[in-house]
Protein backbone atom coordinates (compact mmCIF):
# COMPACT_ATOMS: atom_id res chain seq x y z
CA MET A 1 -53.75 -7.04 43.89
CA GLU A 2 -50.44 -7.59 42.09
CA LYS A 3 -47.55 -8.51 44.34
CA HIS A 4 -44.25 -6.69 44.29
CA LEU A 5 -42.28 -6.79 41.05
CA ILE A 6 -39.31 -8.59 42.52
CA THR A 7 -41.43 -11.54 43.59
CA LYS A 8 -43.05 -11.75 40.17
CA ARG A 9 -39.85 -12.10 38.14
CA SER A 10 -37.00 -14.56 38.15
CA THR A 11 -33.46 -13.34 38.64
CA LYS A 12 -32.86 -13.92 34.95
CA ASP A 13 -35.95 -11.92 33.96
CA LEU A 14 -34.96 -9.02 36.21
CA ALA A 15 -31.62 -8.92 34.47
CA VAL A 16 -33.38 -8.98 31.11
CA TRP A 17 -35.50 -6.02 32.25
CA ALA A 18 -32.37 -4.03 33.04
CA ARG A 19 -30.55 -5.20 29.92
CA ARG A 20 -33.29 -4.62 27.37
CA PHE A 21 -31.78 -1.26 26.48
CA VAL A 22 -28.56 -2.71 25.14
CA ALA A 23 -29.66 -5.36 22.65
CA LEU A 24 -28.84 -4.42 19.09
CA GLY A 25 -31.64 -2.37 17.53
CA VAL A 26 -33.68 -2.14 20.75
CA MET A 27 -32.41 1.24 21.88
CA LEU A 28 -35.58 2.77 23.32
CA ALA A 29 -36.42 5.43 25.91
CA GLY A 30 -34.72 5.42 29.32
CA VAL A 31 -32.61 7.45 31.66
CA SER A 32 -31.15 10.56 30.07
CA GLY A 33 -27.58 10.06 28.91
CA TYR A 34 -26.88 13.73 29.25
CA LEU A 35 -26.60 13.30 33.01
CA TRP A 36 -23.38 11.35 32.53
CA PHE A 37 -21.62 14.36 31.07
CA THR A 38 -20.14 17.56 32.43
CA GLU A 39 -19.66 19.84 29.44
CA LEU A 40 -16.37 21.67 29.17
CA LYS A 41 -16.43 25.33 30.10
CA ASN A 42 -16.53 27.96 27.39
CA ASP A 43 -12.90 28.89 27.95
CA ASP A 44 -11.98 25.46 26.60
CA ALA A 45 -13.61 26.17 23.25
CA SER A 46 -10.22 27.06 21.77
CA ALA A 47 -9.00 23.54 22.50
CA VAL A 48 -11.99 22.10 20.65
CA ALA A 49 -11.36 24.37 17.68
CA ALA A 50 -7.73 23.27 17.57
CA TRP A 51 -8.58 19.66 16.87
CA SER A 52 -7.91 18.85 13.25
CA VAL A 53 -9.86 16.43 11.12
CA GLU A 54 -6.83 14.15 11.21
CA ASP A 55 -6.66 14.29 15.04
CA ASN A 56 -10.31 13.34 15.37
CA GLU A 57 -10.11 10.59 12.76
CA ARG A 58 -7.04 9.13 14.44
CA LEU A 59 -8.60 9.12 17.91
CA PHE A 60 -11.93 7.70 16.78
CA TRP A 61 -10.53 4.86 14.70
CA SER A 62 -7.89 3.97 17.27
CA ALA A 63 -10.76 3.60 19.80
CA ILE A 64 -12.66 1.31 17.42
CA GLU A 65 -9.57 -0.87 16.95
CA ASN A 66 -8.65 -0.79 20.64
CA SER A 67 -12.10 -2.17 21.49
CA LEU A 68 -11.33 -5.20 19.35
CA ALA A 69 -8.18 -6.02 21.34
CA VAL A 70 -9.39 -6.35 24.94
CA PRO A 71 -9.62 -9.55 27.02
CA SER A 72 -12.48 -8.01 29.02
CA VAL A 73 -14.54 -4.85 29.53
CA THR A 74 -17.16 -3.72 32.03
CA ARG A 75 -20.43 -2.05 31.00
CA ILE A 76 -22.67 -0.12 33.38
CA VAL A 77 -26.30 0.71 32.59
CA GLU A 78 -28.67 2.61 34.86
CA ASP A 79 -32.42 3.05 34.73
CA GLY A 80 -34.90 4.47 37.18
CA GLY A 81 -37.88 6.65 37.91
CA SER A 82 -40.82 7.02 40.32
CA GLY A 83 -38.93 5.57 43.27
CA ASN A 84 -37.33 2.70 41.33
CA SER A 85 -33.67 2.26 40.45
CA VAL A 86 -31.90 -0.47 38.50
CA VAL A 87 -28.12 -0.52 38.05
CA GLN A 88 -26.48 -3.26 36.04
CA ARG A 89 -22.76 -3.97 35.85
CA GLN A 90 -21.61 -6.53 33.30
CA GLN A 91 -18.08 -7.83 32.94
CA MET A 92 -17.68 -9.39 29.52
CA PHE A 93 -14.80 -11.83 29.19
CA PHE A 94 -13.56 -12.78 25.73
CA GLY A 95 -11.38 -15.72 24.82
CA GLU A 96 -11.47 -19.51 24.82
CA ASP A 97 -14.08 -19.66 27.61
CA PRO A 98 -16.23 -16.55 27.05
CA LYS A 99 -18.61 -15.53 29.80
CA VAL A 100 -20.53 -12.55 31.15
CA TYR A 101 -20.55 -11.84 34.87
CA SER A 102 -23.41 -9.56 35.92
CA GLN A 103 -24.54 -7.73 39.01
CA VAL A 104 -27.99 -6.17 39.01
CA SER A 105 -29.16 -4.00 41.89
CA PHE A 106 -32.85 -3.19 42.19
CA ASP A 107 -34.18 -0.64 44.66
CA THR A 108 -37.71 0.61 45.07
CA ARG A 109 -39.08 3.02 47.64
CA GLY A 110 -42.79 3.51 48.20
CA ALA A 111 -45.32 4.57 50.76
CA LEU A 112 -46.12 0.98 51.68
CA GLU A 113 -43.14 -1.13 50.66
CA ASN A 114 -39.37 -0.77 50.34
CA THR A 115 -37.23 -3.36 48.63
CA SER A 116 -33.51 -3.60 47.90
CA VAL A 117 -32.14 -6.56 45.96
CA LEU A 118 -28.73 -7.45 44.55
CA THR A 119 -28.45 -10.37 42.15
CA GLU A 120 -25.43 -11.98 40.51
CA GLY A 121 -25.32 -13.99 37.32
CA ILE A 122 -22.78 -15.77 35.15
CA SER A 123 -23.81 -16.43 31.57
CA TYR A 124 -22.16 -18.99 29.34
CA LEU A 125 -23.17 -20.13 25.89
CA ASP A 126 -24.63 -23.36 27.25
CA SER A 127 -26.07 -22.36 30.64
CA GLN A 128 -26.60 -19.64 33.22
CA TYR A 129 -25.98 -19.32 36.94
CA SER A 130 -27.84 -16.88 39.16
CA ARG A 131 -28.17 -16.08 42.85
CA TYR A 132 -29.36 -13.42 45.25
CA ALA A 133 -26.44 -11.70 46.96
CA SER A 134 -28.80 -9.70 49.17
CA PHE A 135 -32.55 -9.30 49.54
CA GLU A 136 -34.10 -6.78 51.94
CA THR A 137 -37.79 -5.92 51.93
CA ASP A 138 -40.52 -4.92 54.32
CA GLN A 139 -43.13 -6.57 52.11
CA PRO A 140 -45.04 -9.00 54.37
CA GLY A 141 -45.59 -12.66 53.72
CA PRO A 142 -49.02 -14.27 53.14
CA ASP A 143 -49.75 -14.31 56.88
CA GLY A 144 -48.90 -10.62 57.27
CA THR A 145 -45.63 -11.19 59.11
CA SER A 146 -42.15 -10.26 57.94
CA VAL A 147 -40.34 -12.66 55.62
CA SER A 148 -36.73 -13.81 55.84
CA ILE A 149 -34.98 -15.66 53.02
CA ASP A 150 -31.53 -15.55 54.61
CA ASP A 151 -31.15 -19.30 54.12
CA LEU A 152 -31.37 -18.78 50.34
CA ILE A 153 -28.96 -15.85 50.02
CA GLY A 154 -25.73 -16.69 48.23
CA LYS A 155 -26.95 -20.01 46.85
CA TRP A 156 -26.69 -20.57 43.11
CA ASP A 157 -29.36 -21.75 40.70
CA HIS A 158 -28.11 -23.40 37.51
CA TYR A 159 -30.25 -23.07 34.39
CA VAL A 160 -29.58 -25.55 31.59
CA PRO A 161 -31.90 -25.26 28.57
CA PRO A 162 -33.91 -28.50 28.39
CA THR A 163 -34.74 -28.30 24.67
CA GLU A 164 -32.85 -27.50 21.49
CA GLN A 165 -35.06 -24.47 20.90
CA GLU A 166 -34.32 -23.08 24.36
CA GLN A 167 -30.61 -23.76 23.85
CA GLN A 168 -30.73 -21.61 20.72
CA GLN A 169 -32.63 -18.91 22.61
CA LEU A 170 -29.93 -18.87 25.28
CA LYS A 171 -27.23 -18.45 22.63
CA GLU A 172 -29.19 -15.59 21.04
CA PHE A 173 -29.56 -14.01 24.46
CA TYR A 174 -25.82 -14.32 25.08
CA ILE A 175 -25.05 -12.61 21.77
CA SER A 176 -27.51 -9.81 22.51
CA GLU A 177 -25.61 -9.17 25.75
CA GLN A 178 -22.58 -8.11 23.74
CA ALA A 179 -24.21 -6.45 20.74
CA THR A 180 -23.87 -2.68 20.74
CA TYR A 181 -22.77 -0.01 18.30
CA VAL A 182 -19.07 -0.48 19.04
CA MET A 183 -17.72 -4.01 18.79
CA PHE A 184 -15.71 -5.45 21.67
CA GLY A 185 -13.58 -8.57 21.72
CA ASN A 186 -10.05 -9.95 21.75
CA TYR A 187 -9.25 -10.58 18.11
CA SER A 188 -5.98 -11.17 16.32
CA SER A 189 -4.16 -8.17 14.85
CA ASP A 190 -4.77 -9.41 11.30
CA PHE A 191 -8.51 -9.72 11.83
CA ARG A 192 -8.70 -6.33 13.58
CA ARG A 193 -6.99 -4.61 10.68
CA SER A 194 -9.24 -6.37 8.17
CA LEU A 195 -12.41 -5.51 10.10
CA VAL A 196 -11.48 -1.86 10.60
CA LYS A 197 -10.55 -1.62 6.92
CA ASN A 198 -14.02 -2.91 5.98
CA LEU A 199 -15.71 -0.50 8.38
CA ARG A 200 -13.85 2.45 6.89
CA GLU A 201 -14.17 1.50 3.23
CA ARG A 202 -17.91 0.84 3.53
CA GLY A 203 -18.53 4.05 5.44
CA VAL A 204 -20.12 2.19 8.32
CA TYR A 205 -19.14 5.00 10.69
CA SER A 206 -19.08 8.66 9.69
CA PHE A 207 -19.05 11.92 11.62
CA ASN A 208 -18.78 15.64 10.98
CA ASN A 209 -15.64 17.13 12.49
CA GLU A 210 -17.56 20.30 13.37
CA THR A 211 -19.88 18.34 15.69
CA VAL A 212 -17.07 16.83 17.79
CA VAL A 213 -17.16 18.29 21.32
CA GLY A 214 -15.20 17.87 24.54
CA THR A 215 -16.57 16.64 27.87
CA GLU A 216 -15.30 15.44 31.21
CA LEU A 217 -16.39 12.31 33.06
CA ASP A 218 -15.02 11.59 36.52
CA GLY A 219 -12.16 14.00 35.87
CA GLU A 220 -11.22 12.38 32.54
CA ARG A 221 -11.29 14.41 29.35
CA LEU A 222 -13.36 12.79 26.63
CA ARG A 223 -14.04 13.64 23.04
CA VAL A 224 -17.64 13.01 21.93
CA PHE A 225 -18.30 11.94 18.34
CA THR A 226 -21.83 12.12 16.95
CA VAL A 227 -21.64 9.17 14.58
CA ASN A 228 -23.90 8.05 11.77
CA VAL A 229 -23.94 4.24 11.75
CA ARG A 230 -25.06 2.54 8.54
CA LEU A 231 -27.10 -0.16 10.20
CA LYS A 232 -27.18 -2.91 7.56
CA ASP A 233 -23.46 -2.71 6.84
CA PHE A 234 -22.72 -2.57 10.55
CA VAL A 235 -24.79 -5.68 11.34
CA GLU A 236 -23.01 -7.52 8.54
CA GLN A 237 -19.61 -6.69 10.06
CA VAL A 238 -20.76 -7.59 13.58
CA GLY A 239 -21.92 -10.96 12.29
CA SER A 240 -18.52 -11.48 10.70
CA ALA A 241 -16.81 -10.70 14.01
CA PHE A 242 -19.01 -13.09 15.99
CA ARG A 243 -18.46 -15.89 13.49
CA HIS A 244 -14.71 -15.31 13.66
CA ALA A 245 -14.95 -15.64 17.45
CA GLY A 246 -16.58 -19.06 17.03
CA PHE A 247 -20.26 -18.20 17.37
CA ASP A 248 -22.90 -19.75 15.14
CA ASP A 249 -24.98 -17.60 12.84
CA SER A 250 -27.53 -15.53 14.72
CA GLU A 251 -30.93 -14.40 13.49
CA GLN A 252 -30.54 -11.03 15.18
CA LEU A 253 -27.29 -10.45 13.27
CA ASP A 254 -28.75 -11.25 9.87
CA PRO A 255 -28.37 -8.08 7.75
CA GLU A 256 -31.15 -9.26 5.42
CA GLN A 257 -33.66 -8.45 8.15
CA ILE A 258 -32.88 -4.77 7.56
CA THR A 259 -34.85 -3.90 4.45
CA ASP A 260 -33.53 -0.36 3.97
CA PRO A 261 -29.81 -0.47 3.10
CA GLU A 262 -29.55 3.26 3.84
CA GLU A 263 -30.99 3.04 7.37
CA VAL A 264 -28.83 4.97 9.81
CA ARG A 265 -28.58 5.17 13.60
CA ILE A 266 -27.19 8.29 15.27
CA VAL A 267 -24.87 7.29 18.11
CA ARG A 268 -22.73 9.37 20.48
CA VAL A 269 -19.38 7.69 21.13
CA SER A 270 -17.21 9.26 23.84
CA VAL A 271 -13.51 8.42 23.73
CA SER A 272 -10.84 9.05 26.36
CA GLU A 273 -8.21 11.44 25.05
CA ARG A 274 -5.65 9.85 27.39
CA THR A 275 -6.20 6.12 26.74
CA GLY A 276 -8.02 6.05 23.40
CA GLU A 277 -10.71 3.82 24.94
CA VAL A 278 -14.46 4.09 24.43
CA ARG A 279 -15.97 5.34 27.69
CA VAL A 280 -19.60 6.07 26.83
CA ILE A 281 -22.01 4.99 24.08
CA SER A 282 -25.31 6.87 23.91
CA VAL A 283 -28.25 6.23 21.61
CA ALA A 284 -31.31 8.46 21.96
CA GLN A 285 -31.49 8.73 25.75
CA ILE A 286 -29.86 5.39 26.53
CA THR A 287 -26.37 5.50 27.98
CA GLN A 288 -23.81 2.74 28.49
CA ASN A 289 -20.67 3.49 30.46
CA TYR A 290 -17.55 1.39 29.76
CA THR A 291 -14.67 0.85 32.15
CA GLY A 292 -12.43 -1.89 33.54
CA TYR A 293 -10.64 -2.66 30.28
CA GLY A 294 -8.48 -5.78 30.53
CA ILE A 295 -9.48 -6.77 34.07
CA THR A 296 -8.93 -10.47 34.65
CA LYS A 297 -11.10 -12.49 37.01
CA GLN A 298 -10.53 -16.17 37.55
CA PHE A 299 -13.50 -18.23 38.64
CA ASP A 300 -14.80 -21.72 38.08
CA ARG A 301 -18.38 -22.59 37.36
CA PRO A 302 -20.21 -22.43 40.69
CA ASP A 303 -21.48 -25.43 42.61
CA ALA A 304 -25.24 -24.90 42.41
CA GLU A 305 -27.69 -26.08 45.06
CA PHE A 306 -30.71 -25.42 42.84
CA SER A 307 -31.47 -25.97 39.17
CA ASN A 308 -33.75 -24.56 36.50
CA GLY A 309 -35.66 -22.06 38.62
CA GLU A 310 -35.95 -23.94 41.91
CA LEU A 311 -34.41 -21.02 43.80
CA GLU A 312 -36.96 -18.58 42.46
CA THR A 313 -39.78 -20.98 43.30
CA ARG A 314 -38.59 -21.09 46.91
CA ILE A 315 -38.58 -17.31 47.12
CA GLN A 316 -42.04 -17.02 45.57
CA GLU A 317 -43.35 -19.52 48.09
CA ALA A 318 -41.91 -17.44 50.94
CA PHE A 319 -43.96 -14.47 49.76
CA GLY A 320 -47.03 -16.48 48.88
CA VAL A 321 -46.73 -15.74 45.15
CA THR A 322 -47.54 -18.24 42.41
CA LEU A 323 -47.00 -17.72 38.69
């Protein structure tokens, strides 16, 4: 009989499972994004009708440019069903030492077993750190007794790719962490203006003013744009932005892999009317919530007690699981 999911996957793989919805072009089925929204009441319809084309264009494009001028941003993605819940928070830091700090919580409730896990990870271009911040389960060990891994909680594992191929895979993974249908970063004003100019002139983003609607999220008024994204042109501009930020060319950002130059993705982009910041990006039924713009967090690379999966091996041994 298959053991519990959490003992079958490494911390890194669990994060991948939660993050798979946000890699560019891999926007598949998941938790309904509609649940994030509270639609404005009908008596606010007059406010929606009062928005001019110019108002909407100004707000949308200011949000696109604002997203290119942030030192950091936090993304939250949720998934769940049938007693399982995964919530991932990622703080993406841009600059001379880019990194992604992640927290992934995994909860499952069943008739026989209950498990609650919180993991932390820090991803760099050249390596990854991961640890269990908490791990509670009533799943028994191989001898049928309860298992405690308290001596492993809070201890870091440091993964350094041992081969050139795996180093490239880690870089691709890092890029996929940040690839979504609105670009984020901390670029110079000249580059931002040039990039936005290209996006507008090539018609990468387009929307119908009549489809713009108002919503509220956590008491904040948002304007929701249903945007057609020209995929090939968009990927080309994203690649340009990553190269400008110092990244090598990436296979997943190669526009030549998109054979149909007219291929379009329909994306809902929700923008705060107060701050002009992107708050929600929804594709199909996948929702990403954005917050924490500009938060600074100083931390050094952790001192790791384990390396290249040793921590996960210890945990698997505690539960009598071998891969």
